[in-house]
Amino acid sequence: MKVIAAYLLAVLGGNTSPSADDLKAILGSVGAEADDDRIELLLSEVKGKDITELIASGREKLASVPSGGGAVAVAAPTAGGGGGGAAPAAEAKKEEKVEEKEESDEDMGFSLFD
């Protein structure tokens, strides 16, 4: 990802065709290690292509990826439970969200407000 980010920074800076040295300079300026194999792979994949077209193509591909993971868990109990099962399922979902937030704060090992 850092090689792609360096490439995009170079393009945003006005360099329409960044070289490996350009990417290494960008990565080196922030203290990141440059992997020559990954840089060469990226440059070979984007050679002769317009970056805006590549981004548009990627967005189209991502649009077809399902992203509603939570809806499946709620739909399963309501289908089997009839009409009265919807309210408890909604309450359980709210409780799960609250617990997840608390767990994620503990996983980081620090609090933003300490």
PDB file of N, CA and C in Angstrom:
ATOM      1  N   MET A   1       0.818  -1.194   0.000  1.00  0.00           N
ATOM      2  CA  MET A   1       0.000   0.000   0.000  1.00  0.00           C
ATOM      3  C   MET A   1       0.862   1.259   0.000  1.00  0.00           C
ATOM      4  N   LYS A   2       1.990   1.222   0.681  1.00  0.00           N
ATOM      5  CA  LYS A   2       2.813   2.426   0.741  1.00  0.00           C
ATOM      6  C   LYS A   2       3.405   2.762  -0.617  1.00  0.00           C
ATOM      7  N   VAL A   3       3.664   1.753  -1.442  1.00  0.00           N
ATOM      8  CA  VAL A   3       4.189   2.010  -2.785  1.00  0.00           C
ATOM      9  C   VAL A   3       3.101   2.645  -3.647  1.00  0.00           C
ATOM     10  N   ILE A   4       1.883   2.147  -3.512  1.00  0.00           N
ATOM     11  CA  ILE A   4       0.759   2.727  -4.254  1.00  0.00           C
ATOM     12  C   ILE A   4       0.518   4.158  -3.796  1.00  0.00           C
ATOM     13  N   ALA A   5       0.581   4.384  -2.497  1.00  0.00           N
ATOM     14  CA  ALA A   5       0.388   5.734  -1.966  1.00  0.00           C
ATOM     15  C   ALA A   5       1.469   6.677  -2.491  1.00  0.00           C
ATOM     16  N   ALA A   6       2.704   6.216  -2.551  1.00  0.00           N
ATOM     17  CA  ALA A   6       3.785   7.046  -3.075  1.00  0.00           C
ATOM     18  C   ALA A   6       3.553   7.354  -4.552  1.00  0.00           C
ATOM     19  N   TYR A   7       3.086   6.377  -5.299  1.00  0.00           N
ATOM     20  CA  TYR A   7       2.792   6.580  -6.722  1.00  0.00           C
ATOM     21  C   TYR A   7       1.695   7.632  -6.891  1.00  0.00           C
ATOM     22  N   LEU A   8       0.630   7.499  -6.101  1.00  0.00           N
ATOM     23  CA  LEU A   8      -0.476   8.455  -6.193  1.00  0.00           C
ATOM     24  C   LEU A   8      -0.041   9.854  -5.770  1.00  0.00           C
ATOM     25  N   LEU A   9       0.808   9.961  -4.766  1.00  0.00           N
ATOM     26  CA  LEU A   9       1.331  11.266  -4.358  1.00  0.00           C
ATOM     27  C   LEU A   9       2.139  11.904  -5.481  1.00  0.00           C
ATOM     28  N   ALA A  10       2.938  11.100  -6.161  1.00  0.00           N
ATOM     29  CA  ALA A  10       3.735  11.624  -7.268  1.00  0.00           C
ATOM     30  C   ALA A  10       2.839  12.119  -8.398  1.00  0.00           C
ATOM     31  N   VAL A  11       1.790  11.361  -8.699  1.00  0.00           N
ATOM     32  CA  VAL A  11       0.854  11.760  -9.756  1.00  0.00           C
ATOM     33  C   VAL A  11       0.112  13.025  -9.345  1.00  0.00           C
ATOM     34  N   LEU A  12      -0.322  13.089  -8.096  1.00  0.00           N
ATOM     35  CA  LEU A  12      -1.014  14.294  -7.623  1.00  0.00           C
ATOM     36  C   LEU A  12      -0.086  15.513  -7.638  1.00  0.00           C
ATOM     37  N   GLY A  13       1.191  15.282  -7.480  1.00  0.00           N
ATOM     38  CA  GLY A  13       2.167  16.363  -7.508  1.00  0.00           C
ATOM     39  C   GLY A  13       2.503  16.831  -8.915  1.00  0.00           C
ATOM     40  N   GLY A  14       1.942  16.190  -9.928  1.00  0.00           N
ATOM     41  CA  GLY A  14       2.156  16.626 -11.302  1.00  0.00           C
ATOM     42  C   GLY A  14       3.030  15.716 -12.131  1.00  0.00           C
ATOM     43  N   ASN A  15       3.606  14.676 -11.556  1.00  0.00           N
ATOM     44  CA  ASN A  15       4.446  13.739 -12.298  1.00  0.00           C
ATOM     45  C   ASN A  15       3.550  12.639 -12.858  1.00  0.00           C
ATOM     46  N   THR A  16       3.205  12.726 -14.144  1.00  0.00           N
ATOM     47  CA  THR A  16       2.254  11.780 -14.727  1.00  0.00           C
ATOM     48  C   THR A  16       2.835  10.385 -14.917  1.00  0.00           C
ATOM     49  N   SER A  17       4.162  10.260 -14.892  1.00  0.00           N
ATOM     50  CA  SER A  17       4.801   8.960 -15.058  1.00  0.00           C
ATOM     51  C   SER A  17       5.983   8.835 -14.100  1.00  0.00           C
ATOM     52  N   PRO A  18       5.708   8.589 -12.822  1.00  0.00           N
ATOM     53  CA  PRO A  18       6.790   8.501 -11.834  1.00  0.00           C
ATOM     54  C   PRO A  18       7.707   7.302 -12.098  1.00  0.00           C
ATOM     55  N   SER A  19       8.973   7.486 -11.823  1.00  0.00           N
ATOM     56  CA  SER A  19       9.949   6.401 -11.966  1.00  0.00           C
ATOM     57  C   SER A  19      10.156   5.726 -10.611  1.00  0.00           C
ATOM     58  N   ALA A  20      10.933   4.655 -10.624  1.00  0.00           N
ATOM     59  CA  ALA A  20      11.238   3.951  -9.375  1.00  0.00           C
ATOM     60  C   ALA A  20      12.000   4.863  -8.425  1.00  0.00           C
ATOM     61  N   ASP A  21      12.893   5.682  -8.974  1.00  0.00           N
ATOM     62  CA  ASP A  21      13.652   6.614  -8.129  1.00  0.00           C
ATOM     63  C   ASP A  21      12.737   7.658  -7.484  1.00  0.00           C
ATOM     64  N   ASP A  22      11.717   8.102  -8.226  1.00  0.00           N
ATOM     65  CA  ASP A  22      10.762   9.062  -7.667  1.00  0.00           C
ATOM     66  C   ASP A  22      10.029   8.454  -6.472  1.00  0.00           C
ATOM     67  N   LEU A  23       9.599   7.206  -6.633  1.00  0.00           N
ATOM     68  CA  LEU A  23       8.870   6.534  -5.553  1.00  0.00           C
ATOM     69  C   LEU A  23       9.776   6.283  -4.355  1.00  0.00           C
ATOM     70  N   LYS A  24      11.025   5.910  -4.609  1.00  0.00           N
ATOM     71  CA  LYS A  24      11.974   5.693  -3.514  1.00  0.00           C
ATOM     72  C   LYS A  24      12.238   6.991  -2.754  1.00  0.00           C
ATOM     73  N   ALA A  25      12.302   8.110  -3.490  1.00  0.00           N
ATOM     74  CA  ALA A  25      12.530   9.404  -2.839  1.00  0.00           C
ATOM     75  C   ALA A  25      11.348   9.783  -1.954  1.00  0.00           C
ATOM     76  N   ILE A  26      10.139   9.523  -2.427  1.00  0.00           N
ATOM     77  CA  ILE A  26       8.945   9.843  -1.638  1.00  0.00           C
ATOM     78  C   ILE A  26       8.909   8.971  -0.385  1.00  0.00           C
ATOM     79  N   LEU A  27       9.142   7.678  -0.546  1.00  0.00           N
ATOM     80  CA  LEU A  27       9.128   6.771   0.605  1.00  0.00           C
ATOM     81  C   LEU A  27      10.255   7.095   1.580  1.00  0.00           C
ATOM     82  N   GLY A  28      11.415   7.427   1.049  1.00  0.00           N
ATOM     83  CA  GLY A  28      12.552   7.760   1.899  1.00  0.00           C
ATOM     84  C   GLY A  28      12.336   9.049   2.677  1.00  0.00           C
ATOM     85  N   SER A  29      11.555   9.972   2.128  1.00  0.00           N
ATOM     86  CA  SER A  29      11.323  11.246   2.813  1.00  0.00           C
ATOM     87  C   SER A  29      10.519  11.089   4.101  1.00  0.00           C
ATOM     88  N   VAL A  30       9.786   9.981   4.214  1.00  0.00           N
ATOM     89  CA  VAL A  30       9.011   9.737   5.432  1.00  0.00           C
ATOM     90  C   VAL A  30       9.590   8.582   6.245  1.00  0.00           C
ATOM     91  N   GLY A  31      10.768   8.110   5.839  1.00  0.00           N
ATOM     92  CA  GLY A  31      11.433   7.055   6.594  1.00  0.00           C
ATOM     93  C   GLY A  31      10.908   5.659   6.322  1.00  0.00           C
ATOM     94  N   ALA A  32      10.161   5.479   5.233  1.00  0.00           N
ATOM     95  CA  ALA A  32       9.631   4.158   4.893  1.00  0.00           C
ATOM     96  C   ALA A  32      10.641   3.411   4.034  1.00  0.00           C
ATOM     97  N   GLU A  33      10.675   2.115   4.191  1.00  0.00           N
ATOM     98  CA  GLU A  33      11.588   1.282   3.429  1.00  0.00           C
ATOM     99  C   GLU A  33      10.995   0.995   2.055  1.00  0.00           C
ATOM    100  N   ALA A  34      11.776   1.166   1.009  1.00  0.00           N
ATOM    101  CA  ALA A  34      11.309   0.936  -0.360  1.00  0.00           C
ATOM    102  C   ALA A  34      11.671  -0.479  -0.799  1.00  0.00           C
ATOM    103  N   ASP A  35      10.672  -1.239  -1.221  1.00  0.00           N
ATOM    104  CA  ASP A  35      10.878  -2.597  -1.706  1.00  0.00           C
ATOM    105  C   ASP A  35      10.944  -2.546  -3.234  1.00  0.00           C
ATOM    106  N   ASP A  36      12.123  -2.800  -3.792  1.00  0.00           N
ATOM    107  CA  ASP A  36      12.339  -2.684  -5.236  1.00  0.00           C
ATOM    108  C   ASP A  36      11.407  -3.585  -6.046  1.00  0.00           C
ATOM    109  N   ASP A  37      11.159  -4.800  -5.563  1.00  0.00           N
ATOM    110  CA  ASP A  37      10.301  -5.732  -6.302  1.00  0.00           C
ATOM    111  C   ASP A  37       8.872  -5.196  -6.413  1.00  0.00           C
ATOM    112  N   ARG A  38       8.357  -4.670  -5.318  1.00  0.00           N
ATOM    113  CA  ARG A  38       6.992  -4.135  -5.336  1.00  0.00           C
ATOM    114  C   ARG A  38       6.890  -2.878  -6.205  1.00  0.00           C
ATOM    115  N   ILE A  39       7.923  -2.051  -6.170  1.00  0.00           N
ATOM    116  CA  ILE A  39       7.919  -0.845  -6.991  1.00  0.00           C
ATOM    117  C   ILE A  39       7.912  -1.223  -8.470  1.00  0.00           C
ATOM    118  N   GLU A  40       8.763  -2.166  -8.852  1.00  0.00           N
ATOM    119  CA  GLU A  40       8.830  -2.594 -10.248  1.00  0.00           C
ATOM    120  C   GLU A  40       7.526  -3.259 -10.690  1.00  0.00           C
ATOM    121  N   LEU A  41       6.904  -4.042  -9.805  1.00  0.00           N
ATOM    122  CA  LEU A  41       5.632  -4.669 -10.121  1.00  0.00           C
ATOM    123  C   LEU A  41       4.555  -3.618 -10.373  1.00  0.00           C
ATOM    124  N   LEU A  42       4.477  -2.635  -9.490  1.00  0.00           N
ATOM    125  CA  LEU A  42       3.481  -1.571  -9.657  1.00  0.00           C
ATOM    126  C   LEU A  42       3.723  -0.806 -10.949  1.00  0.00           C
ATOM    127  N   LEU A  43       4.966  -0.418 -11.198  1.00  0.00           N
ATOM    128  CA  LEU A  43       5.270   0.361 -12.398  1.00  0.00           C
ATOM    129  C   LEU A  43       4.975  -0.433 -13.669  1.00  0.00           C
ATOM    130  N   SER A  44       5.207  -1.740 -13.646  1.00  0.00           N
ATOM    131  CA  SER A  44       4.905  -2.555 -14.825  1.00  0.00           C
ATOM    132  C   SER A  44       3.392  -2.680 -15.040  1.00  0.00           C
ATOM    133  N   GLU A  45       2.620  -2.695 -13.954  1.00  0.00           N
ATOM    134  CA  GLU A  45       1.167  -2.824 -14.060  1.00  0.00           C
ATOM    135  C   GLU A  45       0.496  -1.535 -14.535  1.00  0.00           C
ATOM    136  N   VAL A  46       1.047  -0.383 -14.186  1.00  0.00           N
ATOM    137  CA  VAL A  46       0.406   0.889 -14.545  1.00  0.00           C
ATOM    138  C   VAL A  46       1.056   1.564 -15.754  1.00  0.00           C
ATOM    139  N   LYS A  47       2.068   0.927 -16.327  1.00  0.00           N
ATOM    140  CA  LYS A  47       2.786   1.521 -17.451  1.00  0.00           C
ATOM    141  C   LYS A  47       1.835   1.748 -18.630  1.00  0.00           C
ATOM    142  N   GLY A  48       1.787   2.995 -19.094  1.00  0.00           N
ATOM    143  CA  GLY A  48       0.959   3.349 -20.245  1.00  0.00           C
ATOM    144  C   GLY A  48      -0.522   3.496 -19.939  1.00  0.00           C
ATOM    145  N   LYS A  49      -0.905   3.470 -18.666  1.00  0.00           N
ATOM    146  CA  LYS A  49      -2.313   3.578 -18.286  1.00  0.00           C
ATOM    147  C   LYS A  49      -2.558   4.896 -17.562  1.00  0.00           C
ATOM    148  N   ASP A  50      -3.766   5.417 -17.716  1.00  0.00           N
ATOM    149  CA  ASP A  50      -4.158   6.653 -17.041  1.00  0.00           C
ATOM    150  C   ASP A  50      -4.654   6.311 -15.642  1.00  0.00           C
ATOM    151  N   ILE A  51      -4.128   6.996 -14.646  1.00  0.00           N
ATOM    152  CA  ILE A  51      -4.460   6.672 -13.251  1.00  0.00           C
ATOM    153  C   ILE A  51      -5.933   6.917 -12.945  1.00  0.00           C
ATOM    154  N   THR A  52      -6.534   7.936 -13.540  1.00  0.00           N
ATOM    155  CA  THR A  52      -7.957   8.202 -13.276  1.00  0.00           C
ATOM    156  C   THR A  52      -8.832   7.084 -13.831  1.00  0.00           C
ATOM    157  N   GLU A  53      -8.436   6.512 -14.972  1.00  0.00           N
ATOM    158  CA  GLU A  53      -9.187   5.383 -15.529  1.00  0.00           C
ATOM    159  C   GLU A  53      -9.019   4.138 -14.657  1.00  0.00           C
ATOM    160  N   LEU A  54      -7.816   3.939 -14.115  1.00  0.00           N
ATOM    161  CA  LEU A  54      -7.594   2.795 -13.232  1.00  0.00           C
ATOM    162  C   LEU A  54      -8.427   2.898 -11.963  1.00  0.00           C
ATOM    163  N   ILE A  55      -8.500   4.107 -11.404  1.00  0.00           N
ATOM    164  CA  ILE A  55      -9.294   4.311 -10.186  1.00  0.00           C
ATOM    165  C   ILE A  55     -10.770   4.098 -10.482  1.00  0.00           C
ATOM    166  N   ALA A  56     -11.255   4.619 -11.620  1.00  0.00           N
ATOM    167  CA  ALA A  56     -12.667   4.443 -11.995  1.00  0.00           C
ATOM    168  C   ALA A  56     -12.988   2.968 -12.195  1.00  0.00           C
ATOM    169  N   SER A  57     -12.085   2.247 -12.822  1.00  0.00           N
ATOM    170  CA  SER A  57     -12.285   0.815 -13.033  1.00  0.00           C
ATOM    171  C   SER A  57     -12.337   0.069 -11.699  1.00  0.00           C
ATOM    172  N   GLY A  58     -11.464   0.450 -10.772  1.00  0.00           N
ATOM    173  CA  GLY A  58     -11.460  -0.177  -9.450  1.00  0.00           C
ATOM    174  C   GLY A  58     -12.731   0.095  -8.681  1.00  0.00           C
ATOM    175  N   ARG A  59     -13.253   1.305  -8.813  1.00  0.00           N
ATOM    176  CA  ARG A  59     -14.510   1.634  -8.125  1.00  0.00           C
ATOM    177  C   ARG A  59     -15.658   0.799  -8.658  1.00  0.00           C
ATOM    178  N   GLU A  60     -15.688   0.583  -9.968  1.00  0.00           N
ATOM    179  CA  GLU A  60     -16.740  -0.249 -10.565  1.00  0.00           C
ATOM    180  C   GLU A  60     -16.654  -1.672 -10.024  1.00  0.00           C
ATOM    181  N   LYS A  61     -15.449  -2.184  -9.902  1.00  0.00           N
ATOM    182  CA  LYS A  61     -15.270  -3.545  -9.383  1.00  0.00           C
ATOM    183  C   LYS A  61     -15.695  -3.631  -7.917  1.00  0.00           C
ATOM    184  N   LEU A  62     -15.362  -2.608  -7.132  1.00  0.00           N
ATOM    185  CA  LEU A  62     -15.737  -2.616  -5.714  1.00  0.00           C
ATOM    186  C   LEU A  62     -17.241  -2.457  -5.516  1.00  0.00           C
ATOM    187  N   ALA A  63     -17.915  -1.825  -6.458  1.00  0.00           N
ATOM    188  CA  ALA A  63     -19.356  -1.639  -6.338  1.00  0.00           C
ATOM    189  C   ALA A  63     -20.096  -2.968  -6.362  1.00  0.00           C
ATOM    190  N   SER A  64     -19.521  -3.980  -6.995  1.00  0.00           N
ATOM    191  CA  SER A  64     -20.185  -5.276  -7.083  1.00  0.00           C
ATOM    192  C   SER A  64     -19.910  -6.162  -5.871  1.00  0.00           C
ATOM    193  N   VAL A  65     -19.050  -5.728  -4.964  1.00  0.00           N
ATOM    194  CA  VAL A  65     -18.720  -6.521  -3.776  1.00  0.00           C
ATOM    195  C   VAL A  65     -19.788  -6.290  -2.710  1.00  0.00           C
ATOM    196  N   PRO A  66     -20.402  -7.363  -2.202  1.00  0.00           N
ATOM    197  CA  PRO A  66     -21.400  -7.187  -1.148  1.00  0.00           C
ATOM    198  C   PRO A  66     -20.760  -6.663   0.132  1.00  0.00           C
ATOM    199  N   SER A  67     -21.429  -5.714   0.767  1.00  0.00           N
ATOM    200  CA  SER A  67     -20.855  -5.131   1.986  1.00  0.00           C
ATOM    201  C   SER A  67     -21.871  -5.039   3.116  1.00  0.00           C
ATOM    202  N   GLY A  68     -22.917  -5.817   3.095  1.00  0.00           N
ATOM    203  CA  GLY A  68     -23.941  -5.762   4.130  1.00  0.00           C
ATOM    204  C   GLY A  68     -23.860  -6.940   5.069  1.00  0.00           C
ATOM    205  N   GLY A  69     -22.733  -7.180   5.682  1.00  0.00           N
ATOM    206  CA  GLY A  69     -22.530  -8.338   6.541  1.00  0.00           C
ATOM    207  C   GLY A  69     -23.480  -8.422   7.720  1.00  0.00           C
ATOM    208  N   GLY A  70     -23.856  -7.304   8.338  1.00  0.00           N
ATOM    209  CA  GLY A  70     -24.723  -7.312   9.507  1.00  0.00           C
ATOM    210  C   GLY A  70     -26.167  -7.643   9.188  1.00  0.00           C
ATOM    211  N   ALA A  71     -26.616  -7.385   7.991  1.00  0.00           N
ATOM    212  CA  ALA A  71     -28.006  -7.604   7.629  1.00  0.00           C
ATOM    213  C   ALA A  71     -28.352  -9.084   7.616  1.00  0.00           C
ATOM    214  N   VAL A  72     -27.432  -9.932   7.290  1.00  0.00           N
ATOM    215  CA  VAL A  72     -27.686 -11.360   7.232  1.00  0.00           C
ATOM    216  C   VAL A  72     -27.993 -11.907   8.617  1.00  0.00           C
ATOM    217  N   ALA A  73     -27.285 -11.475   9.626  1.00  0.00           N
ATOM    218  CA  ALA A  73     -27.489 -11.962  10.985  1.00  0.00           C
ATOM    219  C   ALA A  73     -28.860 -11.563  11.513  1.00  0.00           C
ATOM    220  N   VAL A  74     -29.345 -10.384  11.155  1.00  0.00           N
ATOM    221  CA  VAL A  74     -30.652  -9.932  11.608  1.00  0.00           C
ATOM    222  C   VAL A  74     -31.757 -10.615  10.826  1.00  0.00           C
ATOM    223  N   ALA A  75     -31.552 -10.849   9.558  1.00  0.00           N
ATOM    224  CA  ALA A  75     -32.585 -11.433   8.704  1.00  0.00           C
ATOM    225  C   ALA A  75     -32.865 -12.883   9.070  1.00  0.00           C
ATOM    226  N   ALA A  76     -31.866 -13.633   9.486  1.00  0.00           N
ATOM    227  CA  ALA A  76     -32.063 -15.040   9.792  1.00  0.00           C
ATOM    228  C   ALA A  76     -33.032 -15.261  10.951  1.00  0.00           C
ATOM    229  N   PRO A  77     -32.899 -14.574  12.103  1.00  0.00           N
ATOM    230  CA  PRO A  77     -33.848 -14.815  13.185  1.00  0.00           C
ATOM    231  C   PRO A  77     -35.257 -14.332  12.857  1.00  0.00           C
ATOM    232  N   THR A  78     -35.410 -13.258  12.109  1.00  0.00           N
ATOM    233  CA  THR A  78     -36.744 -12.734  11.833  1.00  0.00           C
ATOM    234  C   THR A  78     -37.496 -13.646  10.884  1.00  0.00           C
ATOM    235  N   ALA A  79     -36.801 -14.318   9.977  1.00  0.00           N
ATOM    236  CA  ALA A  79     -37.476 -15.200   9.040  1.00  0.00           C
ATOM    237  C   ALA A  79     -38.058 -16.415   9.774  1.00  0.00           C
ATOM    238  N   GLY A  80     -37.363 -16.952  10.736  1.00  0.00           N
ATOM    239  CA  GLY A  80     -37.832 -18.130  11.447  1.00  0.00           C
ATOM    240  C   GLY A  80     -38.744 -17.796  12.607  1.00  0.00           C
ATOM    241  N   GLY A  81     -38.680 -16.601  13.131  1.00  0.00           N
ATOM    242  CA  GLY A  81     -39.416 -16.243  14.323  1.00  0.00           C
ATOM    243  C   GLY A  81     -40.788 -15.674  14.073  1.00  0.00           C
ATOM    244  N   GLY A  82     -41.168 -15.461  12.841  1.00  0.00           N
ATOM    245  CA  GLY A  82     -42.474 -14.887  12.557  1.00  0.00           C
ATOM    246  C   GLY A  82     -42.487 -13.394  12.780  1.00  0.00           C
ATOM    247  N   GLY A  83     -43.656 -12.828  13.096  1.00  0.00           N
ATOM    248  CA  GLY A  83     -43.802 -11.382  13.229  1.00  0.00           C
ATOM    249  C   GLY A  83     -43.244 -10.824  14.521  1.00  0.00           C
ATOM    250  N   GLY A  84     -43.223 -11.581  15.610  1.00  0.00           N
ATOM    251  CA  GLY A  84     -42.809 -11.053  16.900  1.00  0.00           C
ATOM    252  C   GLY A  84     -41.312 -11.081  17.140  1.00  0.00           C
ATOM    253  N   GLY A  85     -40.540 -11.688  16.290  1.00  0.00           N
ATOM    254  CA  GLY A  85     -39.109 -11.844  16.522  1.00  0.00           C
ATOM    255  C   GLY A  85     -38.278 -10.637  16.119  1.00  0.00           C
ATOM    256  N   ALA A  86     -38.844  -9.653  15.457  1.00  0.00           N
ATOM    257  CA  ALA A  86     -38.058  -8.535  14.924  1.00  0.00           C
ATOM    258  C   ALA A  86     -37.545  -7.613  16.032  1.00  0.00           C
ATOM    259  N   ALA A  87     -38.343  -7.305  17.019  1.00  0.00           N
ATOM    260  CA  ALA A  87     -37.934  -6.373  18.071  1.00  0.00           C
ATOM    261  C   ALA A  87     -36.772  -6.918  18.908  1.00  0.00           C
ATOM    262  N   PRO A  88     -36.817  -8.165  19.384  1.00  0.00           N
ATOM    263  CA  PRO A  88     -35.679  -8.672  20.153  1.00  0.00           C
ATOM    264  C   PRO A  88     -34.395  -8.736  19.327  1.00  0.00           C
ATOM    265  N   ALA A  89     -34.515  -9.044  18.060  1.00  0.00           N
ATOM    266  CA  ALA A  89     -33.327  -9.107  17.209  1.00  0.00           C
ATOM    267  C   ALA A  89     -32.697  -7.733  17.079  1.00  0.00           C
ATOM    268  N   ALA A  90     -33.522  -6.704  16.943  1.00  0.00           N
ATOM    269  CA  ALA A  90     -33.011  -5.339  16.824  1.00  0.00           C
ATOM    270  C   ALA A  90     -32.311  -4.918  18.117  1.00  0.00           C
ATOM    271  N   GLU A  91     -32.887  -5.292  19.269  1.00  0.00           N
ATOM    272  CA  GLU A  91     -32.272  -4.951  20.556  1.00  0.00           C
ATOM    273  C   GLU A  91     -30.926  -5.667  20.717  1.00  0.00           C
ATOM    274  N   ALA A  92     -30.860  -6.914  20.315  1.00  0.00           N
ATOM    275  CA  ALA A  92     -29.617  -7.670  20.426  1.00  0.00           C
ATOM    276  C   ALA A  92     -28.538  -7.052  19.544  1.00  0.00           C
ATOM    277  N   LYS A  93     -28.931  -6.582  18.378  1.00  0.00           N
ATOM    278  CA  LYS A  93     -27.970  -5.959  17.481  1.00  0.00           C
ATOM    279  C   LYS A  93     -27.403  -4.677  18.091  1.00  0.00           C
ATOM    280  N   LYS A  94     -28.257  -3.872  18.745  1.00  0.00           N
ATOM    281  CA  LYS A  94     -27.791  -2.643  19.373  1.00  0.00           C
ATOM    282  C   LYS A  94     -26.807  -2.956  20.490  1.00  0.00           C
ATOM    283  N   GLU A  95     -27.103  -3.995  21.281  1.00  0.00           N
ATOM    284  CA  GLU A  95     -26.214  -4.378  22.374  1.00  0.00           C
ATOM    285  C   GLU A  95     -24.869  -4.846  21.839  1.00  0.00           C
ATOM    286  N   GLU A  96     -24.876  -5.584  20.719  1.00  0.00           N
ATOM    287  CA  GLU A  96     -23.625  -6.051  20.133  1.00  0.00           C
ATOM    288  C   GLU A  96     -22.758  -4.881  19.690  1.00  0.00           C
ATOM    289  N   LYS A  97     -23.367  -3.865  19.109  1.00  0.00           N
ATOM    290  CA  LYS A  97     -22.604  -2.713  18.651  1.00  0.00           C
ATOM    291  C   LYS A  97     -21.922  -2.007  19.823  1.00  0.00           C
ATOM    292  N   VAL A  98     -22.625  -1.848  20.933  1.00  0.00           N
ATOM    293  CA  VAL A  98     -22.050  -1.181  22.090  1.00  0.00           C
ATOM    294  C   VAL A  98     -20.876  -1.988  22.620  1.00  0.00           C
ATOM    295  N   GLU A  99     -21.021  -3.293  22.703  1.00  0.00           N
ATOM    296  CA  GLU A  99     -19.941  -4.139  23.201  1.00  0.00           C
ATOM    297  C   GLU A  99     -18.725  -4.090  22.287  1.00  0.00           C
ATOM    298  N   GLU A 100     -18.944  -4.054  20.979  1.00  0.00           N
ATOM    299  CA  GLU A 100     -17.827  -4.013  20.041  1.00  0.00           C
ATOM    300  C   GLU A 100     -17.010  -2.748  20.223  1.00  0.00           C
ATOM    301  N   LYS A 101     -17.665  -1.622  20.443  1.00  0.00           N
ATOM    302  CA  LYS A 101     -16.953  -0.368  20.629  1.00  0.00           C
ATOM    303  C   LYS A 101     -16.071  -0.430  21.871  1.00  0.00           C
ATOM    304  N   GLU A 102     -16.604  -0.979  22.949  1.00  0.00           N
ATOM    305  CA  GLU A 102     -15.836  -1.083  24.182  1.00  0.00           C
ATOM    306  C   GLU A 102     -14.631  -1.997  23.985  1.00  0.00           C
ATOM    307  N   GLU A 103     -14.816  -3.119  23.298  1.00  0.00           N
ATOM    308  CA  GLU A 103     -13.723  -4.051  23.069  1.00  0.00           C
ATOM    309  C   GLU A 103     -12.636  -3.426  22.203  1.00  0.00           C
ATOM    310  N   SER A 104     -13.033  -2.667  21.194  1.00  0.00           N
ATOM    311  CA  SER A 104     -12.039  -2.091  20.307  1.00  0.00           C
ATOM    312  C   SER A 104     -11.169  -1.075  21.043  1.00  0.00           C
ATOM    313  N   ASP A 105     -11.727  -0.353  22.021  1.00  0.00           N
ATOM    314  CA  ASP A 105     -10.921   0.576  22.805  1.00  0.00           C
ATOM    315  C   ASP A 105      -9.899  -0.175  23.650  1.00  0.00           C
ATOM    316  N   GLU A 106     -10.295  -1.315  24.206  1.00  0.00           N
ATOM    317  CA  GLU A 106      -9.390  -2.101  25.032  1.00  0.00           C
ATOM    318  C   GLU A 106      -8.291  -2.741  24.198  1.00  0.00           C
ATOM    319  N   ASP A 107      -8.595  -3.104  22.962  1.00  0.00           N
ATOM    320  CA  ASP A 107      -7.609  -3.754  22.100  1.00  0.00           C
ATOM    321  C   ASP A 107      -6.444  -2.840  21.769  1.00  0.00           C
ATOM    322  N   MET A 108      -6.665  -1.545  21.713  1.00  0.00           N
ATOM    323  CA  MET A 108      -5.604  -0.628  21.355  1.00  0.00           C
ATOM    324  C   MET A 108      -4.595  -0.433  22.480  1.00  0.00           C
ATOM    325  N   GLY A 109      -4.989  -0.654  23.708  1.00  0.00           N
ATOM    326  CA  GLY A 109      -4.075  -0.541  24.817  1.00  0.00           C
ATOM    327  C   GLY A 109      -3.928   0.856  25.354  1.00  0.00           C
ATOM    328  N   PHE A 110      -4.659   1.806  24.820  1.00  0.00           N
ATOM    329  CA  PHE A 110      -4.608   3.166  25.349  1.00  0.00           C
ATOM    330  C   PHE A 110      -5.920   3.847  25.040  1.00  0.00           C
ATOM    331  N   SER A 111      -6.171   4.928  25.709  1.00  0.00           N
ATOM    332  CA  SER A 111      -7.383   5.710  25.495  1.00  0.00           C
ATOM    333  C   SER A 111      -7.003   7.074  24.978  1.00  0.00           C
ATOM    334  N   LEU A 112      -7.811   7.614  24.127  1.00  0.00           N
ATOM    335  CA  LEU A 112      -7.537   8.929  23.551  1.00  0.00           C
ATOM    336  C   LEU A 112      -7.651  10.043  24.575  1.00  0.00           C
ATOM    337  N   PHE A 113      -8.360   9.779  25.669  1.00  0.00           N
ATOM    338  CA  PHE A 113      -8.637  10.833  26.642  1.00  0.00           C
ATOM    339  C   PHE A 113      -7.818  10.723  27.924  1.00  0.00           C
ATOM    340  N   ASP A 114      -6.858   9.828  27.961  1.00  0.00           N
ATOM    341  CA  ASP A 114      -6.000   9.707  29.143  1.00  0.00           C
ATOM    342  C   ASP A 114      -4.821  10.647  29.074  1.00  0.00           C
TER     343      ASP A 114
END
